[in-house]
C-alpha atoms as a PDB file:
ATOM      1  CA  MET A   1     114.252  89.305 112.675  1.00  0.00           C
ATOM      2  CA  LEU A   2     112.697  86.319 111.638  1.00  0.00           C
ATOM      3  CA  ARG A   3     112.046  83.337 114.119  1.00  0.00           C
ATOM      4  CA  PRO A   4     113.021  80.188 112.823  1.00  0.00           C
ATOM      5  CA  VAL A   5     109.315  78.735 112.660  1.00  0.00           C
ATOM      6  CA  HIS A   6     108.146  82.021 110.626  1.00  0.00           C
ATOM      7  CA  ALA A   7     111.012  81.334 108.417  1.00  0.00           C
ATOM      8  CA  LEU A   8     110.072  77.960 107.403  1.00  0.00           C
ATOM      9  CA  LEU A   9     106.495  78.949 106.784  1.00  0.00           C
ATOM     10  CA  VAL A  10     107.368  81.588 104.594  1.00  0.00           C
ATOM     11  CA  VAL A  11     109.480  79.373 102.730  1.00  0.00           C
ATOM     12  CA  LEU A  12     106.813  76.743 102.300  1.00  0.00           C
ATOM     13  CA  LEU A  13     104.208  79.393 101.294  1.00  0.00           C
ATOM     14  CA  THR A  14     106.440  80.858  98.741  1.00  0.00           C
ATOM     15  CA  LEU A  15     107.262  77.429  97.255  1.00  0.00           C
ATOM     16  CA  ALA A  16     103.719  76.712  97.258  1.00  0.00           C
ATOM     17  CA  GLY A  17     102.725  79.888  95.475  1.00  0.00           C
ATOM     18  CA  VAL A  18     100.545  81.087  98.079  1.00  0.00           C
ATOM     19  CA  ALA A  19     100.418  84.844  98.748  1.00  0.00           C
ATOM     20  CA  THR A  20     100.300  85.341 102.331  1.00  0.00           C
ATOM     21  CA  GLY A  21      99.610  88.964 102.557  1.00  0.00           C
ATOM     22  CA  SER A  22     101.640  90.500  99.824  1.00  0.00           C
ATOM     23  CA  PRO A  23     101.533  89.895  95.944  1.00  0.00           C
ATOM     24  CA  ALA A  24     105.473  89.782  96.236  1.00  0.00           C
ATOM     25  CA  GLU A  25     104.718  86.421  97.471  1.00  0.00           C
ATOM     26  CA  ALA A  26     103.470  85.066  94.795  1.00  0.00           C
ATOM     27  CA  ALA A  27     105.425  82.923  92.117  1.00  0.00           C
ATOM     28  CA  PRO A  28     108.071  85.101  90.348  1.00  0.00           C
ATOM     29  CA  ALA A  29     107.321  86.730  87.114  1.00  0.00           C
ATOM     30  CA  ALA A  30     109.282  86.770  83.727  1.00  0.00           C
ATOM     31  CA  PRO A  31     112.473  88.485  83.897  1.00  0.00           C
ATOM     32  CA  THR A  32     112.565  92.250  83.006  1.00  0.00           C
ATOM     33  CA  GLN A  33     113.669  92.644  79.622  1.00  0.00           C
ATOM     34  CA  GLY A  34     117.414  92.946  79.529  1.00  0.00           C
ATOM     35  CA  CYS A  35     117.754  91.871  83.046  1.00  0.00           C
ATOM     36  CA  THR A  36     118.159  88.274  84.588  1.00  0.00           C
ATOM     37  CA  GLY A  37     115.773  89.463  87.020  1.00  0.00           C
ATOM     38  CA  ARG A  38     114.877  92.274  89.500  1.00  0.00           C
ATOM     39  CA  VAL A  39     116.132  92.733  92.844  1.00  0.00           C
ATOM     40  CA  ALA A  40     114.454  94.946  95.618  1.00  0.00           C
ATOM     41  CA  LEU A  41     116.893  95.375  98.559  1.00  0.00           C
ATOM     42  CA  THR A  42     114.896  95.905 101.775  1.00  0.00           C
ATOM     43  CA  PHE A  43     116.141  96.790 105.355  1.00  0.00           C
ATOM     44  CA  ASP A  44     114.188  96.416 108.545  1.00  0.00           C
ATOM     45  CA  ASP A  45     114.230  97.570 112.268  1.00  0.00           C
ATOM     46  CA  GLY A  46     115.899 100.868 111.630  1.00  0.00           C
ATOM     47  CA  PRO A  47     116.681 103.393 111.554  1.00  0.00           C
ATOM     48  CA  ALA A  48     119.923 103.597 113.648  1.00  0.00           C
ATOM     49  CA  ALA A  49     122.074 106.478 113.305  1.00  0.00           C
ATOM     50  CA  GLY A  50     125.451 105.123 112.346  1.00  0.00           C
ATOM     51  CA  THR A  51     124.523 101.948 110.642  1.00  0.00           C
ATOM     52  CA  THR A  52     121.674 103.508 108.672  1.00  0.00           C
ATOM     53  CA  HIS A  53     124.059 106.401 107.596  1.00  0.00           C
ATOM     54  CA  ARG A  54     126.640 103.968 106.559  1.00  0.00           C
ATOM     55  CA  LEU A  55     124.267 101.731 104.633  1.00  0.00           C
ATOM     56  CA  VAL A  56     122.928 105.232 102.770  1.00  0.00           C
ATOM     57  CA  ARG A  57     126.199 105.907 101.665  1.00  0.00           C
ATOM     58  CA  VAL A  58     126.884 102.268 100.232  1.00  0.00           C
ATOM     59  CA  LEU A  59     123.713 102.442  98.146  1.00  0.00           C
ATOM     60  CA  ARG A  60     124.245 105.870  96.963  1.00  0.00           C
ATOM     61  CA  ARG A  61     127.622 105.161  95.795  1.00  0.00           C
ATOM     62  CA  HIS A  62     126.337 102.051  93.581  1.00  0.00           C
ATOM     63  CA  HIS A  63     123.330 104.158  92.531  1.00  0.00           C
ATOM     64  CA  VAL A  64     121.016 101.384  93.800  1.00  0.00           C
ATOM     65  CA  PRO A  65     117.414 102.061  95.224  1.00  0.00           C
ATOM     66  CA  ALA A  66     116.226 100.401  98.144  1.00  0.00           C
ATOM     67  CA  THR A  67     112.936 100.408 100.611  1.00  0.00           C
ATOM     68  CA  PHE A  68     113.243 101.170 104.316  1.00  0.00           C
ATOM     69  CA  PHE A  69     110.915  99.428 106.852  1.00  0.00           C
ATOM     70  CA  MET A  70     111.213 101.499 110.029  1.00  0.00           C
ATOM     71  CA  VAL A  71     109.968 100.975 113.544  1.00  0.00           C
ATOM     72  CA  GLY A  72     108.212 103.964 114.942  1.00  0.00           C
ATOM     73  CA  GLN A  73     109.905 104.004 118.411  1.00  0.00           C
ATOM     74  CA  ARG A  74     113.288 104.088 116.426  1.00  0.00           C
ATOM     75  CA  VAL A  75     112.186 106.744 114.062  1.00  0.00           C
ATOM     76  CA  ALA A  76     110.919 108.673 117.228  1.00  0.00           C
ATOM     77  CA  ALA A  77     114.405 108.030 118.608  1.00  0.00           C
ATOM     78  CA  ASN A  78     116.580 108.959 115.422  1.00  0.00           C
ATOM     79  CA  PRO A  79     114.296 111.332 113.526  1.00  0.00           C
ATOM     80  CA  ALA A  80     117.511 112.836 111.656  1.00  0.00           C
ATOM     81  CA  ALA A  81     118.631 109.187 110.655  1.00  0.00           C
ATOM     82  CA  ALA A  82     114.995 108.321 109.262  1.00  0.00           C
ATOM     83  CA  LEU A  83     114.824 111.839 107.383  1.00  0.00           C
ATOM     84  CA  GLU A  84     118.322 111.125 105.891  1.00  0.00           C
ATOM     85  CA  VAL A  85     116.985 107.850 104.389  1.00  0.00           C
ATOM     86  CA  GLU A  86     114.195 109.615 102.261  1.00  0.00           C
ATOM     87  CA  ARG A  87     116.402 112.814 101.297  1.00  0.00           C
ATOM     88  CA  ALA A  88     118.781 110.155  99.914  1.00  0.00           C
ATOM     89  CA  GLY A  89     116.335 109.044  97.432  1.00  0.00           C
ATOM     90  CA  PHE A  90     115.191 105.856  99.396  1.00  0.00           C
ATOM     91  CA  LEU A  91     111.148 104.905 100.121  1.00  0.00           C
ATOM     92  CA  THR A  92     110.168 104.479 103.673  1.00  0.00           C
ATOM     93  CA  ALA A  93     107.549 102.101 104.980  1.00  0.00           C
ATOM     94  CA  ASN A  94     106.138 100.790 108.129  1.00  0.00           C
ATOM     95  CA  HIS A  95     107.335  98.203 110.326  1.00  0.00           C
ATOM     96  CA  SER A  96     105.167  98.448 113.566  1.00  0.00           C
ATOM     97  CA  TRP A  97     105.880 100.692 116.390  1.00  0.00           C
ATOM     98  CA  ALA A  98     107.714  98.366 118.741  1.00  0.00           C
ATOM     99  CA  HIS A  99     108.571  95.529 116.723  1.00  0.00           C
ATOM    100  CA  GLN A 100     105.998  93.042 118.558  1.00  0.00           C
ATOM    101  CA  ASP A 101     104.469  90.013 116.771  1.00  0.00           C
ATOM    102  CA  MET A 102     101.451  90.824 115.054  1.00  0.00           C
ATOM    103  CA  SER A 103      99.990  87.426 115.139  1.00  0.00           C
ATOM    104  CA  ARG A 104      99.677  87.560 118.725  1.00  0.00           C
ATOM    105  CA  GLN A 105      97.789  91.304 118.850  1.00  0.00           C
ATOM    106  CA  SER A 106      94.283  92.169 118.644  1.00  0.00           C
ATOM    107  CA  TYR A 107      92.927  94.199 115.697  1.00  0.00           C
ATOM    108  CA  ARG A 108      92.854  97.365 117.713  1.00  0.00           C
ATOM    109  CA  ASP A 109      96.608  96.913 118.879  1.00  0.00           C
ATOM    110  CA  VAL A 110      97.679  96.331 115.247  1.00  0.00           C
ATOM    111  CA  ARG A 111      95.838  99.504 114.087  1.00  0.00           C
ATOM    112  CA  ARG A 112      97.217 101.444 116.863  1.00  0.00           C
ATOM    113  CA  SER A 113     100.846 100.545 116.154  1.00  0.00           C
ATOM    114  CA  LEU A 114     100.531 101.046 112.394  1.00  0.00           C
ATOM    115  CA  ARG A 115      99.109 104.534 113.458  1.00  0.00           C
ATOM    116  CA  ALA A 116     101.551 105.685 115.991  1.00  0.00           C
ATOM    117  CA  THR A 117     104.326 104.659 113.550  1.00  0.00           C
ATOM    118  CA  ARG A 118     103.116 106.404 110.965  1.00  0.00           C
ATOM    119  CA  ARG A 119     102.686 109.600 112.941  1.00  0.00           C
ATOM    120  CA  ALA A 120     106.196 109.326 113.954  1.00  0.00           C
ATOM    121  CA  MET A 121     107.287 109.253 110.359  1.00  0.00           C
ATOM    122  CA  LEU A 122     105.551 112.238 109.553  1.00  0.00           C
ATOM    123  CA  ASP A 123     106.717 114.119 112.670  1.00  0.00           C
ATOM    124  CA  ALA A 124     110.293 113.449 111.323  1.00  0.00           C
ATOM    125  CA  GLY A 125     109.334 114.974 108.117  1.00  0.00           C
ATOM    126  CA  LEU A 126     108.947 111.658 106.034  1.00  0.00           C
ATOM    127  CA  HIS A 127     106.621 110.923 103.362  1.00  0.00           C
ATOM    128  CA  PRO A 128     106.012 107.163 104.138  1.00  0.00           C
ATOM    129  CA  THR A 129     104.451 104.949 101.586  1.00  0.00           C
ATOM    130  CA  ASP A 130     101.733 102.684 102.098  1.00  0.00           C
ATOM    131  CA  LEU A 131     103.664  99.385 102.465  1.00  0.00           C
ATOM    132  CA  MET A 132     104.310  97.676 105.848  1.00  0.00           C
ATOM    133  CA  ARG A 133     106.071  94.491 106.717  1.00  0.00           C
ATOM    134  CA  PRO A 134     104.875  92.648 109.939  1.00  0.00           C
ATOM    135  CA  PRO A 135     107.880  91.937 112.542  1.00  0.00           C
ATOM    136  CA  TYR A 136     108.947  88.337 112.012  1.00  0.00           C
ATOM    137  CA  GLY A 137     106.551  87.959 109.036  1.00  0.00           C
ATOM    138  CA  ALA A 138     103.993  86.840 111.501  1.00  0.00           C
ATOM    139  CA  LEU A 139     100.324  87.650 110.596  1.00  0.00           C
ATOM    140  CA  ALA A 140      96.930  86.128 111.656  1.00  0.00           C
ATOM    141  CA  LYS A 141      93.529  87.264 110.641  1.00  0.00           C
ATOM    142  CA  PRO A 142      92.823  90.183 113.157  1.00  0.00           C
ATOM    143  CA  ALA A 143      96.211  91.637 112.050  1.00  0.00           C
ATOM    144  CA  ARG A 144      95.478  91.133 108.351  1.00  0.00           C
ATOM    145  CA  ARG A 145      92.005  92.783 108.903  1.00  0.00           C
ATOM    146  CA  ALA A 146      93.550  95.891 110.514  1.00  0.00           C
ATOM    147  CA  ILE A 147      96.456  96.109 108.062  1.00  0.00           C
ATOM    148  CA  ARG A 148      93.827  96.240 105.099  1.00  0.00           C
ATOM    149  CA  ASP A 149      91.412  98.446 106.942  1.00  0.00           C
ATOM    150  CA  SER A 150      94.466 100.878 107.641  1.00  0.00           C
ATOM    151  CA  GLY A 151      95.303 101.227 103.995  1.00  0.00           C
ATOM    152  CA  TYR A 152      98.628  99.318 104.147  1.00  0.00           C
ATOM    153  CA  VAL A 153      99.878  96.559 101.720  1.00  0.00           C
ATOM    154  CA  PRO A 154     101.779  94.005 103.489  1.00  0.00           C
ATOM    155  CA  VAL A 155     105.213  92.970 102.197  1.00  0.00           C
ATOM    156  CA  LEU A 156     107.242  89.916 103.017  1.00  0.00           C
ATOM    157  CA  TRP A 157     110.387  88.741 101.165  1.00  0.00           C
ATOM    158  CA  THR A 158     111.745  85.730  98.954  1.00  0.00           C
ATOM    159  CA  ASP A 159     115.599  86.033  99.944  1.00  0.00           C
ATOM    160  CA  ASP A 160     116.176  85.856 103.413  1.00  0.00           C
ATOM    161  CA  SER A 161     119.685  86.807 104.543  1.00  0.00           C
ATOM    162  CA  LEU A 162     119.654  85.239 107.923  1.00  0.00           C
ATOM    163  CA  ASP A 163     122.028  88.443 108.987  1.00  0.00           C
ATOM    164  CA  TRP A 164     120.306  88.734 112.365  1.00  0.00           C
ATOM    165  CA  LYS A 165     121.199  85.197 113.268  1.00  0.00           C
ATOM    166  CA  SER A 166     124.873  84.386 112.119  1.00  0.00           C
ATOM    167  CA  GLY A 167     127.645  84.795 109.560  1.00  0.00           C
ATOM    168  CA  THR A 168     130.360  87.236 108.243  1.00  0.00           C
ATOM    169  CA  SER A 169     129.651  89.726 106.124  1.00  0.00           C
ATOM    170  CA  ARG A 170     131.030  87.765 103.253  1.00  0.00           C
ATOM    171  CA  GLN A 171     128.789  84.726 104.479  1.00  0.00           C
ATOM    172  CA  ILE A 172     125.724  86.908 104.492  1.00  0.00           C
ATOM    173  CA  ALA A 173     126.568  87.794 100.996  1.00  0.00           C
ATOM    174  CA  ARG A 174     126.753  84.606  99.779  1.00  0.00           C
ATOM    175  CA  ARG A 175     123.420  83.434 101.273  1.00  0.00           C
ATOM    176  CA  ILE A 176     121.616  86.416  99.535  1.00  0.00           C
ATOM    177  CA  LEU A 177     123.271  85.589  96.250  1.00  0.00           C
ATOM    178  CA  ALA A 178     122.304  81.905  96.314  1.00  0.00           C
ATOM    179  CA  GLY A 179     118.809  82.839  96.717  1.00  0.00           C
ATOM    180  CA  LEU A 180     118.486  85.303  93.775  1.00  0.00           C
ATOM    181  CA  ARG A 181     116.393  83.853  91.041  1.00  0.00           C
ATOM    182  CA  PRO A 182     115.257  85.052  87.464  1.00  0.00           C
ATOM    183  CA  GLY A 183     112.235  86.999  88.091  1.00  0.00           C
ATOM    184  CA  ARG A 184     111.272  89.009  91.117  1.00  0.00           C
ATOM    185  CA  ASN A 185     113.292  88.956  94.252  1.00  0.00           C
ATOM    186  CA  ILE A 186     112.927  90.787  97.579  1.00  0.00           C
ATOM    187  CA  VAL A 187     115.922  90.618 100.035  1.00  0.00           C
ATOM    188  CA  LEU A 188     115.598  90.826 103.639  1.00  0.00           C
ATOM    189  CA  GLN A 189     118.373  92.585 105.578  1.00  0.00           C
ATOM    190  CA  HIS A 190     118.093  94.628 108.792  1.00  0.00           C
ATOM    191  CA  ASP A 191     119.836  97.877 109.736  1.00  0.00           C
ATOM    192  CA  GLY A 192     118.623  98.078 112.999  1.00  0.00           C
ATOM    193  CA  VAL A 193     119.607  95.029 115.155  1.00  0.00           C
ATOM    194  CA  THR A 194     122.922  93.943 117.026  1.00  0.00           C
ATOM    195  CA  ARG A 195     124.459  92.540 113.733  1.00  0.00           C
ATOM    196  CA  SER A 196     123.455  95.062 111.380  1.00  0.00           C
ATOM    197  CA  PRO A 197     127.086  96.572 110.789  1.00  0.00           C
ATOM    198  CA  ILE A 198     128.059  93.074 109.683  1.00  0.00           C
ATOM    199  CA  SER A 199     125.063  92.825 107.453  1.00  0.00           C
ATOM    200  CA  VAL A 200     125.714  96.375 105.991  1.00  0.00           C
ATOM    201  CA  GLY A 201     129.081  95.202 105.294  1.00  0.00           C
ATOM    202  CA  ALA A 202     127.573  92.419 102.935  1.00  0.00           C
ATOM    203  CA  VAL A 203     125.754  95.038 100.768  1.00  0.00           C
ATOM    204  CA  ASP A 204     128.749  96.322  98.590  1.00  0.00           C
ATOM    205  CA  ARG A 205     129.494  92.703  97.399  1.00  0.00           C
ATOM    206  CA  VAL A 206     125.644  91.750  97.019  1.00  0.00           C
ATOM    207  CA  ILE A 207     125.544  94.711  94.552  1.00  0.00           C
ATOM    208  CA  ARG A 208     128.572  94.309  92.607  1.00  0.00           C
ATOM    209  CA  VAL A 209     128.152  90.394  92.096  1.00  0.00           C
ATOM    210  CA  ALA A 210     124.566  90.664  91.390  1.00  0.00           C
ATOM    211  CA  LYS A 211     124.917  93.238  88.536  1.00  0.00           C
ATOM    212  CA  ARG A 212     127.785  91.288  87.003  1.00  0.00           C
ATOM    213  CA  ARG A 213     125.075  88.323  86.794  1.00  0.00           C
ATOM    214  CA  GLY A 214     122.703  90.670  85.187  1.00  0.00           C
ATOM    215  CA  TYR A 215     120.342  91.359  87.843  1.00  0.00           C
ATOM    216  CA  CYS A 216     118.625  94.956  87.964  1.00  0.00           C
ATOM    217  CA  PHE A 217     117.960  96.853  91.267  1.00  0.00           C
ATOM    218  CA  THR A 218     114.574  98.317  91.999  1.00  0.00           C
ATOM    219  CA  ALA A 219     112.807  99.489  94.823  1.00  0.00           C
ATOM    220  CA  LEU A 220     109.215  98.325  95.672  1.00  0.00           C
ATOM    221  CA  ASP A 221     106.199  99.652  93.841  1.00  0.00           C
ATOM    222  CA  GLU A 222     102.564 100.443  95.190  1.00  0.00           C
ATOM    223  CA  ARG A 223     101.729  96.691  95.316  1.00  0.00           C
ATOM    224  CA  GLY A 224     104.901  95.622  97.242  1.00  0.00           C
ATOM    225  CA  ARG A 225     106.623  94.147  94.217  1.00  0.00           C
ATOM    226  CA  PRO A 226     109.817  94.972  93.050  1.00  0.00           C
ATOM    227  CA  GLY A 227     109.834  97.922  90.788  1.00  0.00           C
ATOM    228  CA  PHE A 228     109.051 101.588  91.310  1.00  0.00           C
ATOM    229  CA  PRO A 229     105.775 103.472  92.583  1.00  0.00           C
ATOM    230  CA  THR A 230     104.469 106.121  89.913  1.00  0.00           C
ATOM    231  CA  PRO A 231     103.177 109.205  91.914  1.00  0.00           C
ATOM    232  CA  ASP A 232     100.758 111.761  90.845  1.00  0.00           C
ATOM    233  CA  VAL A 233     102.212 115.133  90.095  1.00  0.00           C
ATOM    234  CA  THR A 234     100.116 118.166  90.498  1.00  0.00           C
ATOM    235  CA  ALA A 235     101.323 122.057  89.585  1.00  0.00           C
ATOM    236  CA  VAL A 236     100.270 124.575  91.880  1.00  0.00           C
ATOM    237  CA  ALA A 237     100.684 128.044  90.786  1.00  0.00           C
ATOM    238  CA  GLY A 238      99.964 131.481  92.613  1.00  0.00           C
ATOM    239  CA  GLN A 239      99.123 134.889  91.294  1.00  0.00           C
ATOM    240  CA  ALA A 240     102.048 136.574  89.198  1.00  0.00           C
ATOM    241  CA  VAL A 241     102.632 140.338  89.080  1.00  0.00           C
ATOM    242  CA  GLU A 242     103.926 141.892  85.974  1.00  0.00           C
ATOM    243  CA  GLY A 243     107.691 142.359  86.219  1.00  0.00           C
ATOM    244  CA  THR A 244     108.354 139.442  88.600  1.00  0.00           C
ATOM    245  CA  ASP A 245     108.329 135.663  87.987  1.00  0.00           C
ATOM    246  CA  ALA A 246     105.349 133.374  88.177  1.00  0.00           C
ATOM    247  CA  VAL A 247     106.259 130.724  90.726  1.00  0.00           C
ATOM    248  CA  VAL A 248     104.756 127.277  89.930  1.00  0.00           C
ATOM    249  CA  THR A 249     105.268 124.223  92.481  1.00  0.00           C
ATOM    250  CA  LEU A 250     105.456 120.789  91.221  1.00  0.00           C
ATOM    251  CA  GLU A 251     104.168 118.170  93.726  1.00  0.00           C
ATOM    252  CA  LEU A 252     104.267 114.785  94.076  1.00  0.00           C
ATOM    253  CA  ALA A 253     101.629 112.609  95.952  1.00  0.00           C
ATOM    254  CA  GLN A 254     104.418 110.529  97.417  1.00  0.00           C
ATOM    255  CA  PRO A 255     108.322 110.022  96.667  1.00  0.00           C
ATOM    256  CA  ALA A 256     109.106 107.939  93.440  1.00  0.00           C
ATOM    257  CA  GLY A 257     112.308 106.343  94.875  1.00  0.00           C
ATOM    258  CA  ARG A 258     114.063 107.453  91.662  1.00  0.00           C
ATOM    259  CA  ASP A 259     114.621 110.518  89.455  1.00  0.00           C
ATOM    260  CA  THR A 260     111.536 111.626  87.593  1.00  0.00           C
ATOM    261  CA  ALA A 261     110.468 114.307  85.285  1.00  0.00           C
ATOM    262  CA  VAL A 262     107.870 116.164  83.477  1.00  0.00           C
ATOM    263  CA  VAL A 263     107.685 118.799  80.730  1.00  0.00           C
ATOM    264  CA  VAL A 264     106.143 122.193  81.461  1.00  0.00           C
ATOM    265  CA  GLU A 265     104.821 124.360  78.853  1.00  0.00           C
ATOM    266  CA  ALA A 266     103.275 127.727  78.942  1.00  0.00           C
ATOM    267  CA  VAL A 267     100.128 128.116  76.911  1.00  0.00           C
ATOM    268  CA  SER A 268      98.449 131.707  76.034  1.00  0.00           C
ATOM    269  CA  GLY A 269      95.326 132.635  77.292  1.00  0.00           C
ATOM    270  CA  THR A 270      94.105 136.310  77.750  1.00  0.00           C
ATOM    271  CA  ALA A 271      97.892 136.540  78.568  1.00  0.00           C
ATOM    272  CA  SER A 272      99.665 135.919  75.352  1.00  0.00           C
ATOM    273  CA  VAL A 273     103.053 133.675  75.549  1.00  0.00           C
ATOM    274  CA  GLY A 274     105.531 135.693  73.607  1.00  0.00           C
ATOM    275  CA  ALA A 275     104.113 139.090  74.580  1.00  0.00           C
ATOM    276  CA  ASP A 276     103.236 139.205  78.382  1.00  0.00           C
ATOM    277  CA  LEU A 277     105.617 136.115  78.923  1.00  0.00           C
ATOM    278  CA  PRO A 278     108.459 134.574  77.049  1.00  0.00           C
ATOM    279  CA  PRO A 279     108.125 131.209  75.350  1.00  0.00           C
ATOM    280  CA  PHE A 280     108.443 128.789  78.013  1.00  0.00           C
ATOM    281  CA  ARG A 281     108.789 124.713  77.593  1.00  0.00           C
ATOM    282  CA  ALA A 282     111.127 122.854  79.971  1.00  0.00           C
ATOM    283  CA  ARG A 283     111.788 119.182  80.964  1.00  0.00           C
ATOM    284  CA  VAL A 284     111.740 119.624  84.813  1.00  0.00           C
ATOM    285  CA  GLU A 285     113.625 116.922  86.987  1.00  0.00           C
ATOM    286  CA  ILE A 286     112.408 115.899  90.461  1.00  0.00           C
ATOM    287  CA  PRO A 287     115.569 114.317  91.983  1.00  0.00           C
ATOM    288  CA  ALA A 288     114.752 111.078  94.088  1.00  0.00           C
ATOM    289  CA  GLY A 289     114.151 111.781  97.515  1.00  0.00           C
ATOM    290  CA  ARG A 290     112.336 115.304  96.648  1.00  0.00           C
ATOM    291  CA  VAL A 291     108.461 115.626  96.609  1.00  0.00           C
ATOM    292  CA  ARG A 292     108.302 119.118  95.291  1.00  0.00           C
ATOM    293  CA  VAL A 293     110.200 121.546  93.136  1.00  0.00           C
ATOM    294  CA  THR A 294     109.729 125.051  92.163  1.00  0.00           C
ATOM    295  CA  VAL A 295     109.508 126.419  88.627  1.00  0.00           C
ATOM    296  CA  ARG A 296     110.087 130.392  87.867  1.00  0.00           C
ATOM    297  CA  ILE A 297     108.673 131.913  84.731  1.00  0.00           C
ATOM    298  CA  PRO A 298     109.404 135.497  84.242  1.00  0.00           C
ATOM    299  CA  ILE A 299     106.497 137.803  83.470  1.00  0.00           C
ATOM    300  CA  ALA A 300     107.212 141.031  81.241  1.00  0.00           C
ATOM    301  CA  ALA A 301     105.968 144.394  82.472  1.00  0.00           C
ATOM    302  CA  ASP A 302     104.366 147.050  80.542  1.00  0.00           C
ATOM    303  CA  ALA A 303     103.113 150.653  80.960  1.00  0.00           C
ATOM    304  CA  VAL A 304      99.335 149.938  80.217  1.00  0.00           C
ATOM    305  CA  VAL A 305      97.065 149.432  83.185  1.00  0.00           C
ATOM    306  CA  GLU A 306      94.823 146.466  82.373  1.00  0.00           C
ATOM    307  CA  PRO A 307      92.644 143.871  84.261  1.00  0.00           C
ATOM    308  CA  PRO A 308      94.185 140.523  85.405  1.00  0.00           C
ATOM    309  CA  GLU A 309      95.103 138.167  82.434  1.00  0.00           C
ATOM    310  CA  THR A 310      95.882 134.386  82.646  1.00  0.00           C
ATOM    311  CA  PHE A 311      97.821 131.843  80.909  1.00  0.00           C
ATOM    312  CA  THR A 312      97.754 128.150  81.152  1.00  0.00           C
ATOM    313  CA  LEU A 313     100.707 125.757  82.673  1.00  0.00           C
ATOM    314  CA  ALA A 314     100.510 122.417  80.810  1.00  0.00           C
ATOM    315  CA  LEU A 315     102.128 119.325  81.952  1.00  0.00           C
ATOM    316  CA  ARG A 316     103.248 116.749  79.340  1.00  0.00           C
ATOM    317  CA  ASP A 317     105.371 113.539  78.858  1.00  0.00           C
ATOM    318  CA  PRO A 318     105.729 112.346  82.455  1.00  0.00           C
ATOM    319  CA  GLU A 319     108.746 110.194  83.286  1.00  0.00           C
ATOM    320  CA  GLY A 320     107.787 107.956  86.097  1.00  0.00           C
ATOM    321  CA  LEU A 321     105.000 110.071  86.972  1.00  0.00           C
ATOM    322  CA  ARG A 322     101.246 110.311  86.331  1.00  0.00           C
ATOM    323  CA  ILE A 323      99.739 113.543  85.629  1.00  0.00           C
ATOM    324  CA  ALA A 324      96.901 114.096  88.163  1.00  0.00           C
ATOM    325  CA  GLN A 325      95.634 117.478  86.498  1.00  0.00           C
ATOM    326  CA  PRO A 326      97.228 118.349  83.068  1.00  0.00           C
ATOM    327  CA  THR A 327      96.754 122.072  83.154  1.00  0.00           C
ATOM    328  CA  ALA A 328      96.809 124.638  85.989  1.00  0.00           C
ATOM    329  CA  PRO A 329      95.961 128.515  85.549  1.00  0.00           C
ATOM    330  CA  VAL A 330      98.305 131.205  86.285  1.00  0.00           C
ATOM    331  CA  THR A 331      96.693 134.939  86.844  1.00  0.00           C
ATOM    332  CA  ILE A 332      98.922 137.788  86.163  1.00  0.00           C
ATOM    333  CA  VAL A 333      97.856 141.198  87.792  1.00  0.00           C
ATOM    334  CA  ASP A 334      99.119 144.659  86.764  1.00  0.00           C
ATOM    335  CA  ALA A 335     101.787 146.010  89.033  1.00  0.00           C
ATOM    336  CA  ALA A 336      99.866 149.187  89.779  1.00  0.00           C
ATOM    337  CA  SER A 337      96.926 146.897  91.066  1.00  0.00           C
ATOM    338  CA  ALA A 338      98.946 144.351  93.039  1.00  0.00           C
ATOM    339  CA  PRO A 339      98.249 144.109  96.797  1.00  0.00           C
ATOM    340  CA  ARG A 340     100.451 146.412  98.559  1.00  0.00           C
ATOM    341  CA  VAL A 341     102.194 145.401 101.941  1.00  0.00           C
ATOM    342  CA  GLU A 342     101.441 148.269 104.298  1.00  0.00           C
ATOM    343  CA  LEU A 343     104.364 148.759 106.665  1.00  0.00           C
ATOM    344  CA  PRO A 344     103.570 149.888 110.073  1.00  0.00           C
ATOM    345  CA  GLU A 345     104.457 153.635 110.820  1.00  0.00           C
ATOM    346  CA  PRO A 346     107.172 154.146 113.410  1.00  0.00           C
ATOM    347  CA  PRO A 347     105.858 155.237 116.869  1.00  0.00           C
ATOM    348  CA  PHE A 348     105.148 158.850 117.305  1.00  0.00           C
ATOM    349  CA  LEU A 349     107.729 160.641 119.524  1.00  0.00           C
ATOM    350  CA  ALA A 350     106.539 163.232 121.811  1.00  0.00           C
ATOM    351  CA  LEU A 351     109.142 165.868 122.197  1.00  0.00           C
ATOM    352  CA  GLY A 352     108.965 168.249 125.170  1.00  0.00           C
ATOM    353  CA  PRO A 353     109.786 171.998 125.162  1.00  0.00           C
ATOM    354  CA  LYS A 354     113.024 172.965 124.606  1.00  0.00           C
ATOM    355  CA  PHE A 355     115.050 175.219 127.138  1.00  0.00           C
ATOM    356  CA  SER A 356     117.840 177.612 126.127  1.00  0.00           C
END
């Protein structure tokens, strides 16, 4: 929630073009080509099991991304609701442990709050971004330094719904739509406060009307601006045995907030593509909400005993990703020389003498 004094402060600083902790607060950039402007929906103070679930369903129905700034205590109390958000393809971020005013906290307290929240998110199975939002939008020098030293990017907003304060769902939607401008827009709503069900009721109308006016919806990128992060992708391959599949895992360094893809291709080494394995080239999609996918490449078997051979897995043409390492070696071992799993022998059963 935003206190009136902080609301005024944010508005004044935004109008003056002063960045108070996030590049998102600076003057809007030129509109994205083909769009009136970009809109990043953000939701604070959750998760709250019922409300968050309903909100996720609305966003997914419209295929609209969003970023959720979560309170650590509520993540710990509702880990399943928190995980539902990420698995549905949305980004998660840090909103402190107990929603306390950071402008009144010490450097040490702010760092402890951020650390505890991140721990709760990781324990819930999330892969949180490095974005954070200070409760009430309130910051002071010790808090700014603590946020920076903790590796976080603070993010405020440009369009305040005031959903925590008053209004029906329709009135909240009207406020949000009236606040949209050409360029970059970050909308503030809440999914973890008393009036959140009313606010969630506004989301459907906001999306429909904004799209009709030519706005495009995005998440938040690494700098806290409307856009999408571009995670690194890495291929991890284990040893493959002739006659089985080579199992390769594509791992993202963080969630992307959207569907991404990369082309995976097998390249000959001492193992020949076309002989030791079939030609393989595939565009592999990583759905939003996933940070790893598995690719299986069949390996041919032959009757020749030979030393280990290798081929290279090459990553090309990334979409929404950066390739951290363009190649990964895959080793093929002969079935006869592959390690065997020894099963324990059954316990010896001593039989006594038979009697007739």
